[in-house]
Each structure stands twice: as C-alpha cells, then as structure tokens.
Amino acid sequence: MTELKLNTPGYDGRFPQVNTSRRCYQNYVDYYRCILKQGEEYGPCKNLMKEFTSLCPVDWVTKWDEQREEGTFPFKLDD
C-alpha cells in the first residue's frame, strides 16, 4: 500500500492578500505555459501542477481543460 502525502502550497509573494481563486488560475496558466516551453518533465513545471491541483476545484480545471482543447481558453498560453 502506498502512502499518500498531502501538502498545502506555501506562501506565494505574488498573492499576499488575495483570494486563492486568483492564485489557482495563475498557477494553472503558468503550468501550461511552462510545459509548452520546457516540457512536462521539467521540475518547476511539475511544481506548478502540484500547486494548481491542490488550490483549484476540479470543476474549474475540467472547464479550463475543455476550453483549451476547444481553443476558447481566455488566456494566450503560447506567446
């Protein structure tokens, strides 16, 4: 049986007193921009994925994934 370790994201100076929904969204965007530039195996990209998956509701991520696939995601990821 594998042990499951849960971690809460630490402090992020970009969001000192902001609702976590903004932080969730920004980490999601940063993750997909990161993997487009560096690849999925790049360590910092993996950290961003851990952050957004622990901060974001699953429904939001599902919606954003669908929007990315359809080309309707409201943020340009490939600049």
PDB file of N, CA and C in Angstrom:
ATOM      1  N   MET A   1       0.838  -1.169   0.000  1.00  0.00           N
ATOM      2  CA  MET A   1       0.000   0.000   0.000  1.00  0.00           C
ATOM      3  C   MET A   1       0.893   1.245   0.000  1.00  0.00           C
ATOM      4  N   THR A   2       0.631   2.165  -0.906  1.00  0.00           N
ATOM      5  CA  THR A   2       1.437   3.377  -0.976  1.00  0.00           C
ATOM      6  C   THR A   2       0.899   4.437  -0.031  1.00  0.00           C
ATOM      7  N   GLU A   3       1.811   5.208   0.506  1.00  0.00           N
ATOM      8  CA  GLU A   3       1.423   6.258   1.432  1.00  0.00           C
ATOM      9  C   GLU A   3       1.135   7.536   0.655  1.00  0.00           C
ATOM     10  N   LEU A   4       0.024   8.156   0.941  1.00  0.00           N
ATOM     11  CA  LEU A   4      -0.378   9.397   0.293  1.00  0.00           C
ATOM     12  C   LEU A   4       0.011  10.561   1.176  1.00  0.00           C
ATOM     13  N   LYS A   5       0.820  11.452   0.633  1.00  0.00           N
ATOM     14  CA  LYS A   5       1.260  12.609   1.401  1.00  0.00           C
ATOM     15  C   LYS A   5       0.592  13.853   0.827  1.00  0.00           C
ATOM     16  N   LEU A   6      -0.166  14.555   1.648  1.00  0.00           N
ATOM     17  CA  LEU A   6      -0.845  15.772   1.221  1.00  0.00           C
ATOM     18  C   LEU A   6      -0.041  16.984   1.665  1.00  0.00           C
ATOM     19  N   ASN A   7       0.154  17.914   0.742  1.00  0.00           N
ATOM     20  CA  ASN A   7       0.864  19.146   1.048  1.00  0.00           C
ATOM     21  C   ASN A   7       0.017  20.329   0.625  1.00  0.00           C
ATOM     22  N   THR A   8       0.026  21.352   1.422  1.00  0.00           N
ATOM     23  CA  THR A   8      -0.643  22.601   1.076  1.00  0.00           C
ATOM     24  C   THR A   8       0.405  23.530   0.493  1.00  0.00           C
ATOM     25  N   PRO A   9       0.075  24.219  -0.604  1.00  0.00           N
ATOM     26  CA  PRO A   9       1.056  25.141  -1.178  1.00  0.00           C
ATOM     27  C   PRO A   9       1.494  26.185  -0.151  1.00  0.00           C
ATOM     28  N   GLY A  10       2.762  26.524  -0.211  1.00  0.00           N
ATOM     29  CA  GLY A  10       3.301  27.522   0.700  1.00  0.00           C
ATOM     30  C   GLY A  10       2.968  28.935   0.261  1.00  0.00           C
ATOM     31  N   TYR A  11       3.558  29.866   0.929  1.00  0.00           N
ATOM     32  CA  TYR A  11       3.332  31.285   0.673  1.00  0.00           C
ATOM     33  C   TYR A  11       3.817  31.651  -0.726  1.00  0.00           C
ATOM     34  N   ASP A  12       3.056  32.472  -1.423  1.00  0.00           N
ATOM     35  CA  ASP A  12       3.437  32.993  -2.733  1.00  0.00           C
ATOM     36  C   ASP A  12       3.374  34.513  -2.651  1.00  0.00           C
ATOM     37  N   GLY A  13       4.525  35.154  -2.732  1.00  0.00           N
ATOM     38  CA  GLY A  13       4.615  36.600  -2.587  1.00  0.00           C
ATOM     39  C   GLY A  13       3.828  37.381  -3.617  1.00  0.00           C
ATOM     40  N   ARG A  14       3.469  36.746  -4.747  1.00  0.00           N
ATOM     41  CA  ARG A  14       2.670  37.441  -5.754  1.00  0.00           C
ATOM     42  C   ARG A  14       1.246  37.672  -5.279  1.00  0.00           C
ATOM     43  N   PHE A  15       0.806  36.904  -4.297  1.00  0.00           N
ATOM     44  CA  PHE A  15      -0.574  36.979  -3.821  1.00  0.00           C
ATOM     45  C   PHE A  15      -0.618  37.111  -2.305  1.00  0.00           C
ATOM     46  N   PRO A  16      -0.118  38.216  -1.761  1.00  0.00           N
ATOM     47  CA  PRO A  16      -0.023  38.318  -0.305  1.00  0.00           C
ATOM     48  C   PRO A  16      -1.369  38.363   0.414  1.00  0.00           C
ATOM     49  N   GLN A  17      -2.360  39.016  -0.181  1.00  0.00           N
ATOM     50  CA  GLN A  17      -3.661  39.115   0.477  1.00  0.00           C
ATOM     51  C   GLN A  17      -4.778  38.956  -0.543  1.00  0.00           C
ATOM     52  N   VAL A  18      -4.638  37.978  -1.404  1.00  0.00           N
ATOM     53  CA  VAL A  18      -5.593  37.778  -2.482  1.00  0.00           C
ATOM     54  C   VAL A  18      -6.305  36.447  -2.293  1.00  0.00           C
ATOM     55  N   ASN A  19      -7.534  36.423  -2.696  1.00  0.00           N
ATOM     56  CA  ASN A  19      -8.319  35.208  -2.699  1.00  0.00           C
ATOM     57  C   ASN A  19      -7.558  34.114  -3.455  1.00  0.00           C
ATOM     58  N   THR A  20      -7.613  32.884  -3.002  1.00  0.00           N
ATOM     59  CA  THR A  20      -6.867  31.808  -3.651  1.00  0.00           C
ATOM     60  C   THR A  20      -7.371  31.484  -5.048  1.00  0.00           C
ATOM     61  N   SER A  21      -8.543  31.955  -5.439  1.00  0.00           N
ATOM     62  CA  SER A  21      -9.014  31.670  -6.789  1.00  0.00           C
ATOM     63  C   SER A  21      -8.090  32.303  -7.824  1.00  0.00           C
ATOM     64  N   ARG A  22      -7.584  33.482  -7.560  1.00  0.00           N
ATOM     65  CA  ARG A  22      -6.643  34.135  -8.476  1.00  0.00           C
ATOM     66  C   ARG A  22      -5.337  33.339  -8.542  1.00  0.00           C
ATOM     67  N   ARG A  23      -4.873  32.893  -7.400  1.00  0.00           N
ATOM     68  CA  ARG A  23      -3.643  32.104  -7.341  1.00  0.00           C
ATOM     69  C   ARG A  23      -3.818  30.778  -8.078  1.00  0.00           C
ATOM     70  N   CYS A  24      -4.960  30.167  -7.905  1.00  0.00           N
ATOM     71  CA  CYS A  24      -5.283  28.925  -8.603  1.00  0.00           C
ATOM     72  C   CYS A  24      -5.186  29.132 -10.108  1.00  0.00           C
ATOM     73  N   TYR A  25      -5.871  30.143 -10.616  1.00  0.00           N
ATOM     74  CA  TYR A  25      -5.898  30.419 -12.050  1.00  0.00           C
ATOM     75  C   TYR A  25      -4.496  30.729 -12.576  1.00  0.00           C
ATOM     76  N   GLN A  26      -3.745  31.549 -11.868  1.00  0.00           N
ATOM     77  CA  GLN A  26      -2.410  31.936 -12.330  1.00  0.00           C
ATOM     78  C   GLN A  26      -1.476  30.732 -12.386  1.00  0.00           C
ATOM     79  N   ASN A  27      -1.560  29.846 -11.409  1.00  0.00           N
ATOM     80  CA  ASN A  27      -0.723  28.648 -11.433  1.00  0.00           C
ATOM     81  C   ASN A  27      -1.118  27.712 -12.561  1.00  0.00           C
ATOM     82  N   TYR A  28      -2.399  27.634 -12.864  1.00  0.00           N
ATOM     83  CA  TYR A  28      -2.864  26.826 -14.000  1.00  0.00           C
ATOM     84  C   TYR A  28      -2.265  27.372 -15.297  1.00  0.00           C
ATOM     85  N   VAL A  29      -2.397  28.669 -15.507  1.00  0.00           N
ATOM     86  CA  VAL A  29      -1.852  29.310 -16.706  1.00  0.00           C
ATOM     87  C   VAL A  29      -0.332  29.137 -16.763  1.00  0.00           C
ATOM     88  N   ASP A  30       0.343  29.389 -15.655  1.00  0.00           N
ATOM     89  CA  ASP A  30       1.801  29.268 -15.618  1.00  0.00           C
ATOM     90  C   ASP A  30       2.246  27.841 -15.927  1.00  0.00           C
ATOM     91  N   TYR A  31       1.514  26.857 -15.441  1.00  0.00           N
ATOM     92  CA  TYR A  31       1.864  25.464 -15.712  1.00  0.00           C
ATOM     93  C   TYR A  31       1.817  25.176 -17.212  1.00  0.00           C
ATOM     94  N   TYR A  32       0.743  25.539 -17.871  1.00  0.00           N
ATOM     95  CA  TYR A  32       0.622  25.215 -19.287  1.00  0.00           C
ATOM     96  C   TYR A  32       1.582  26.035 -20.146  1.00  0.00           C
ATOM     97  N   ARG A  33       1.905  27.230 -19.734  1.00  0.00           N
ATOM     98  CA  ARG A  33       2.926  28.000 -20.444  1.00  0.00           C
ATOM     99  C   ARG A  33       4.295  27.340 -20.241  1.00  0.00           C
ATOM    100  N   CYS A  34       4.541  26.865 -19.042  1.00  0.00           N
ATOM    101  CA  CYS A  34       5.807  26.217 -18.721  1.00  0.00           C
ATOM    102  C   CYS A  34       6.011  24.947 -19.543  1.00  0.00           C
ATOM    103  N   ILE A  35       4.995  24.084 -19.601  1.00  0.00           N
ATOM    104  CA  ILE A  35       5.189  22.829 -20.335  1.00  0.00           C
ATOM    105  C   ILE A  35       5.292  23.065 -21.842  1.00  0.00           C
ATOM    106  N   LEU A  36       4.688  24.130 -22.343  1.00  0.00           N
ATOM    107  CA  LEU A  36       4.850  24.446 -23.766  1.00  0.00           C
ATOM    108  C   LEU A  36       6.287  24.854 -24.070  1.00  0.00           C
ATOM    109  N   LYS A  37       6.953  25.499 -23.116  1.00  0.00           N
ATOM    110  CA  LYS A  37       8.322  25.970 -23.328  1.00  0.00           C
ATOM    111  C   LYS A  37       9.378  24.969 -22.888  1.00  0.00           C
ATOM    112  N   GLN A  38       9.112  24.241 -21.790  1.00  0.00           N
ATOM    113  CA  GLN A  38      10.149  23.393 -21.186  1.00  0.00           C
ATOM    114  C   GLN A  38       9.853  21.896 -21.233  1.00  0.00           C
ATOM    115  N   GLY A  39       8.602  21.517 -21.387  1.00  0.00           N
ATOM    116  CA  GLY A  39       8.233  20.107 -21.372  1.00  0.00           C
ATOM    117  C   GLY A  39       7.667  19.687 -20.024  1.00  0.00           C
ATOM    118  N   GLU A  40       6.891  18.612 -20.032  1.00  0.00           N
ATOM    119  CA  GLU A  40       6.194  18.168 -18.825  1.00  0.00           C
ATOM    120  C   GLU A  40       7.122  17.647 -17.730  1.00  0.00           C
ATOM    121  N   GLU A  41       8.300  17.213 -18.092  1.00  0.00           N
ATOM    122  CA  GLU A  41       9.213  16.632 -17.102  1.00  0.00           C
ATOM    123  C   GLU A  41      10.071  17.672 -16.389  1.00  0.00           C
ATOM    124  N   TYR A  42       9.984  18.918 -16.772  1.00  0.00           N
ATOM    125  CA  TYR A  42      10.761  19.993 -16.154  1.00  0.00           C
ATOM    126  C   TYR A  42      10.263  20.214 -14.729  1.00  0.00           C
ATOM    127  N   GLY A  43      11.162  20.160 -13.763  1.00  0.00           N
ATOM    128  CA  GLY A  43      10.806  20.221 -12.344  1.00  0.00           C
ATOM    129  C   GLY A  43       9.911  21.379 -11.937  1.00  0.00           C
ATOM    130  N   PRO A  44      10.256  22.619 -12.300  1.00  0.00           N
ATOM    131  CA  PRO A  44       9.390  23.737 -11.923  1.00  0.00           C
ATOM    132  C   PRO A  44       7.973  23.627 -12.494  1.00  0.00           C
ATOM    133  N   CYS A  45       7.851  23.017 -13.671  1.00  0.00           N
ATOM    134  CA  CYS A  45       6.501  22.814 -14.233  1.00  0.00           C
ATOM    135  C   CYS A  45       5.712  21.852 -13.360  1.00  0.00           C
ATOM    136  N   LYS A  46       6.367  20.807 -12.908  1.00  0.00           N
ATOM    137  CA  LYS A  46       5.696  19.845 -12.027  1.00  0.00           C
ATOM    138  C   LYS A  46       5.234  20.515 -10.736  1.00  0.00           C
ATOM    139  N   ASN A  47       6.048  21.428 -10.222  1.00  0.00           N
ATOM    140  CA  ASN A  47       5.664  22.143  -9.002  1.00  0.00           C
ATOM    141  C   ASN A  47       4.428  23.003  -9.237  1.00  0.00           C
ATOM    142  N   LEU A  48       4.357  23.648 -10.393  1.00  0.00           N
ATOM    143  CA  LEU A  48       3.179  24.454 -10.713  1.00  0.00           C
ATOM    144  C   LEU A  48       1.931  23.587 -10.796  1.00  0.00           C
ATOM    145  N   MET A  49       2.073  22.389 -11.364  1.00  0.00           N
ATOM    146  CA  MET A  49       0.931  21.474 -11.444  1.00  0.00           C
ATOM    147  C   MET A  49       0.461  21.075 -10.044  1.00  0.00           C
ATOM    148  N   LYS A  50       1.392  20.789  -9.165  1.00  0.00           N
ATOM    149  CA  LYS A  50       1.025  20.438  -7.787  1.00  0.00           C
ATOM    150  C   LYS A  50       0.280  21.586  -7.119  1.00  0.00           C
ATOM    151  N   GLU A  51       0.751  22.806  -7.372  1.00  0.00           N
ATOM    152  CA  GLU A  51       0.107  23.982  -6.787  1.00  0.00           C
ATOM    153  C   GLU A  51      -1.338  24.111  -7.264  1.00  0.00           C
ATOM    154  N   PHE A  52      -1.531  24.124  -8.598  1.00  0.00           N
ATOM    155  CA  PHE A  52      -2.899  24.368  -9.068  1.00  0.00           C
ATOM    156  C   PHE A  52      -3.832  23.208  -8.765  1.00  0.00           C
ATOM    157  N   THR A  53      -3.319  21.976  -8.762  1.00  0.00           N
ATOM    158  CA  THR A  53      -4.213  20.863  -8.452  1.00  0.00           C
ATOM    159  C   THR A  53      -4.633  20.858  -6.989  1.00  0.00           C
ATOM    160  N   SER A  54      -3.820  21.441  -6.121  1.00  0.00           N
ATOM    161  CA  SER A  54      -4.224  21.496  -4.716  1.00  0.00           C
ATOM    162  C   SER A  54      -5.056  22.738  -4.400  1.00  0.00           C
ATOM    163  N   LEU A  55      -4.966  23.774  -5.239  1.00  0.00           N
ATOM    164  CA  LEU A  55      -5.714  25.007  -4.987  1.00  0.00           C
ATOM    165  C   LEU A  55      -7.049  25.074  -5.734  1.00  0.00           C
ATOM    166  N   CYS A  56      -7.104  24.514  -6.927  1.00  0.00           N
ATOM    167  CA  CYS A  56      -8.260  24.695  -7.808  1.00  0.00           C
ATOM    168  C   CYS A  56      -9.311  23.604  -7.623  1.00  0.00           C
ATOM    169  N   PRO A  57     -10.578  23.988  -7.647  1.00  0.00           N
ATOM    170  CA  PRO A  57     -11.642  22.985  -7.667  1.00  0.00           C
ATOM    171  C   PRO A  57     -11.559  22.170  -8.971  1.00  0.00           C
ATOM    172  N   VAL A  58     -11.835  20.898  -8.894  1.00  0.00           N
ATOM    173  CA  VAL A  58     -11.755  20.008 -10.047  1.00  0.00           C
ATOM    174  C   VAL A  58     -12.651  20.496 -11.189  1.00  0.00           C
ATOM    175  N   ASP A  59     -13.818  21.023 -10.856  1.00  0.00           N
ATOM    176  CA  ASP A  59     -14.734  21.523 -11.894  1.00  0.00           C
ATOM    177  C   ASP A  59     -14.106  22.649 -12.708  1.00  0.00           C
ATOM    178  N   TRP A  60     -13.368  23.517 -12.063  1.00  0.00           N
ATOM    179  CA  TRP A  60     -12.713  24.616 -12.779  1.00  0.00           C
ATOM    180  C   TRP A  60     -11.666  24.080 -13.746  1.00  0.00           C
ATOM    181  N   VAL A  61     -10.841  23.160 -13.251  1.00  0.00           N
ATOM    182  CA  VAL A  61      -9.781  22.598 -14.078  1.00  0.00           C
ATOM    183  C   VAL A  61     -10.382  21.868 -15.280  1.00  0.00           C
ATOM    184  N   THR A  62     -11.445  21.119 -15.037  1.00  0.00           N
ATOM    185  CA  THR A  62     -12.116  20.412 -16.130  1.00  0.00           C
ATOM    186  C   THR A  62     -12.622  21.402 -17.173  1.00  0.00           C
ATOM    187  N   LYS A  63     -13.238  22.481 -16.717  1.00  0.00           N
ATOM    188  CA  LYS A  63     -13.749  23.503 -17.639  1.00  0.00           C
ATOM    189  C   LYS A  63     -12.607  24.143 -18.424  1.00  0.00           C
ATOM    190  N   TRP A  64     -11.533  24.509 -17.750  1.00  0.00           N
ATOM    191  CA  TRP A  64     -10.402  25.138 -18.431  1.00  0.00           C
ATOM    192  C   TRP A  64      -9.739  24.173 -19.411  1.00  0.00           C
ATOM    193  N   ASP A  65      -9.645  22.887 -19.041  1.00  0.00           N
ATOM    194  CA  ASP A  65      -9.078  21.895 -19.957  1.00  0.00           C
ATOM    195  C   ASP A  65      -9.931  21.795 -21.223  1.00  0.00           C
ATOM    196  N   GLU A  66     -11.234  21.781 -21.053  1.00  0.00           N
ATOM    197  CA  GLU A  66     -12.138  21.740 -22.212  1.00  0.00           C
ATOM    198  C   GLU A  66     -11.971  22.987 -23.073  1.00  0.00           C
ATOM    199  N   GLN A  67     -11.851  24.150 -22.433  1.00  0.00           N
ATOM    200  CA  GLN A  67     -11.670  25.386 -23.178  1.00  0.00           C
ATOM    201  C   GLN A  67     -10.344  25.375 -23.949  1.00  0.00           C
ATOM    202  N   ARG A  68      -9.294  24.866 -23.345  1.00  0.00           N
ATOM    203  CA  ARG A  68      -8.006  24.783 -24.047  1.00  0.00           C
ATOM    204  C   ARG A  68      -8.117  23.883 -25.262  1.00  0.00           C
ATOM    205  N   GLU A  69      -8.781  22.733 -25.107  1.00  0.00           N
ATOM    206  CA  GLU A  69      -8.948  21.792 -26.214  1.00  0.00           C
ATOM    207  C   GLU A  69      -9.780  22.396 -27.349  1.00  0.00           C
ATOM    208  N   GLU A  70     -10.774  23.200 -26.992  1.00  0.00           N
ATOM    209  CA  GLU A  70     -11.649  23.822 -27.986  1.00  0.00           C
ATOM    210  C   GLU A  70     -11.056  25.103 -28.568  1.00  0.00           C
ATOM    211  N   GLY A  71      -9.976  25.589 -27.959  1.00  0.00           N
ATOM    212  CA  GLY A  71      -9.368  26.834 -28.416  1.00  0.00           C
ATOM    213  C   GLY A  71     -10.084  28.078 -27.931  1.00  0.00           C
ATOM    214  N   THR A  72     -10.878  27.939 -26.866  1.00  0.00           N
ATOM    215  CA  THR A  72     -11.636  29.079 -26.349  1.00  0.00           C
ATOM    216  C   THR A  72     -11.150  29.545 -24.975  1.00  0.00           C
ATOM    217  N   PHE A  73     -10.021  29.018 -24.527  1.00  0.00           N
ATOM    218  CA  PHE A  73      -9.491  29.431 -23.222  1.00  0.00           C
ATOM    219  C   PHE A  73      -9.150  30.916 -23.291  1.00  0.00           C
ATOM    220  N   PRO A  74      -9.566  31.716 -22.283  1.00  0.00           N
ATOM    221  CA  PRO A  74      -9.447  33.165 -22.370  1.00  0.00           C
ATOM    222  C   PRO A  74      -8.041  33.741 -22.141  1.00  0.00           C
ATOM    223  N   PHE A  75      -7.008  32.920 -22.146  1.00  0.00           N
ATOM    224  CA  PHE A  75      -5.651  33.414 -21.928  1.00  0.00           C
ATOM    225  C   PHE A  75      -4.736  32.786 -22.965  1.00  0.00           C
ATOM    226  N   LYS A  76      -3.908  33.598 -23.579  1.00  0.00           N
ATOM    227  CA  LYS A  76      -2.972  33.086 -24.570  1.00  0.00           C
ATOM    228  C   LYS A  76      -1.809  32.399 -23.861  1.00  0.00           C
ATOM    229  N   LEU A  77      -1.638  31.116 -24.121  1.00  0.00           N
ATOM    230  CA  LEU A  77      -0.604  30.338 -23.434  1.00  0.00           C
ATOM    231  C   LEU A  77       0.684  30.231 -24.226  1.00  0.00           C
ATOM    232  N   ASP A  78       0.652  30.451 -25.509  1.00  0.00           N
ATOM    233  CA  ASP A  78       1.810  30.200 -26.359  1.00  0.00           C
ATOM    234  C   ASP A  78       2.481  31.457 -26.895  1.00  0.00           C
ATOM    235  N   ASP A  79       2.694  32.433 -26.020  1.00  0.00           N
ATOM    236  CA  ASP A  79       3.361  33.650 -26.501  1.00  0.00           C
ATOM    237  C   ASP A  79       4.842  33.609 -26.305  1.00  0.00           C
TER     238      ASP A  79
END
